[in-house]
Amino acid sequence: MVWVEEPTRADDFAGHARIAAECRTPVQIGENLWGPHDLTKSISEGASDFIMLDVMKIGGISGWLRARVARHR
């Protein structure tokens, strides 16, 4: 298996982080994240090993960049 995709609810960042910490197979989330806030929260909580974003849901490249900037503040 290459990765486990969204093993719990999309908004359960803490749950994903616990699974990622305990699972030998990488965890992937992201297709159900809505906007920069969700992306920032998932990254800050260590919710996954891989993130595959849905460009429309995240707000395009601008949304991705806003999330990235917010994380570094």
Protein backbone atom coordinates (compact mmCIF):
# COMPACT_ATOMS: atom_id res chain seq x y z
CA MET A 1 0.00 0.00 0.00
CA VAL A 2 1.40 3.41 -0.95
CA TRP A 3 -0.73 5.48 1.47
CA VAL A 4 -3.98 5.51 3.45
CA GLU A 5 -6.33 8.18 2.13
CA GLU A 6 -8.39 10.20 4.62
CA PRO A 7 -8.87 7.46 7.22
CA THR A 8 -11.26 9.60 9.31
CA ARG A 9 -13.52 12.65 8.82
CA ALA A 10 -11.96 15.41 6.75
CA ASP A 11 -12.16 17.91 9.63
CA ASP A 12 -10.71 15.54 12.25
CA PHE A 13 -7.15 16.88 12.12
CA ALA A 14 -6.22 15.54 15.56
CA GLY A 15 -7.55 12.10 14.61
CA HIS A 16 -5.54 12.08 11.40
CA ALA A 17 -2.43 13.12 13.34
CA ARG A 18 -2.90 10.24 15.82
CA ILE A 19 -3.34 7.75 12.97
CA ALA A 20 -0.31 9.14 11.10
CA ALA A 21 1.82 8.85 14.24
CA GLU A 22 0.84 5.21 14.83
CA CYS A 23 0.56 3.90 11.26
CA ARG A 24 3.58 2.68 9.31
CA THR A 25 1.78 3.46 6.05
CA PRO A 26 1.76 7.20 5.18
CA VAL A 27 -1.53 9.08 5.61
CA GLN A 28 -2.79 11.36 2.85
CA ILE A 29 -5.48 14.04 3.21
CA GLY A 30 -6.40 17.25 1.45
CA GLU A 31 -9.03 16.70 -1.19
CA ASN A 32 -11.76 17.67 1.29
CA LEU A 33 -10.02 20.66 2.87
CA TRP A 34 -11.93 23.92 2.37
CA GLY A 35 -9.83 27.07 2.11
CA PRO A 36 -6.50 28.16 3.53
CA HIS A 37 -7.67 27.83 7.14
CA ASP A 38 -8.23 24.06 6.84
CA LEU A 39 -4.87 23.60 5.14
CA THR A 40 -3.06 25.64 7.80
CA LYS A 41 -4.77 23.70 10.60
CA SER A 42 -3.97 20.30 9.05
CA ILE A 43 -0.31 21.22 8.61
CA SER A 44 0.05 22.70 12.11
CA GLU A 45 -1.47 19.57 13.70
CA GLY A 46 0.67 17.18 11.64
CA ALA A 47 -2.46 15.59 10.26
CA SER A 48 -0.81 13.75 7.37
CA ASP A 49 2.32 12.71 5.58
CA PHE A 50 1.01 13.76 2.15
CA ILE A 51 -1.43 16.50 1.14
CA MET A 52 -3.27 16.39 -2.18
CA LEU A 53 -5.35 19.52 -2.53
CA ASP A 54 -8.47 20.11 -4.57
CA VAL A 55 -7.55 23.38 -6.28
CA MET A 56 -11.13 24.68 -6.36
CA LYS A 57 -11.81 23.95 -2.67
CA ILE A 58 -8.54 25.42 -1.39
CA GLY A 59 -8.94 28.71 -3.29
CA GLY A 60 -6.44 28.07 -6.08
CA ILE A 61 -2.75 28.84 -5.86
CA SER A 62 -3.57 32.02 -3.94
CA GLY A 63 -5.36 29.99 -1.25
CA TRP A 64 -2.41 27.62 -0.98
CA LEU A 65 -0.01 30.54 -0.62
CA ARG A 66 -2.19 32.22 2.04
CA ALA A 67 -2.14 28.99 4.05
CA ARG A 68 1.60 28.71 3.72
CA VAL A 69 2.15 32.32 4.81
CA ALA A 70 -0.22 31.91 7.78
CA ARG A 71 1.75 28.88 8.98
CA HIS A 72 5.02 30.85 9.09
CA ARG A 73 3.68 33.74 11.19
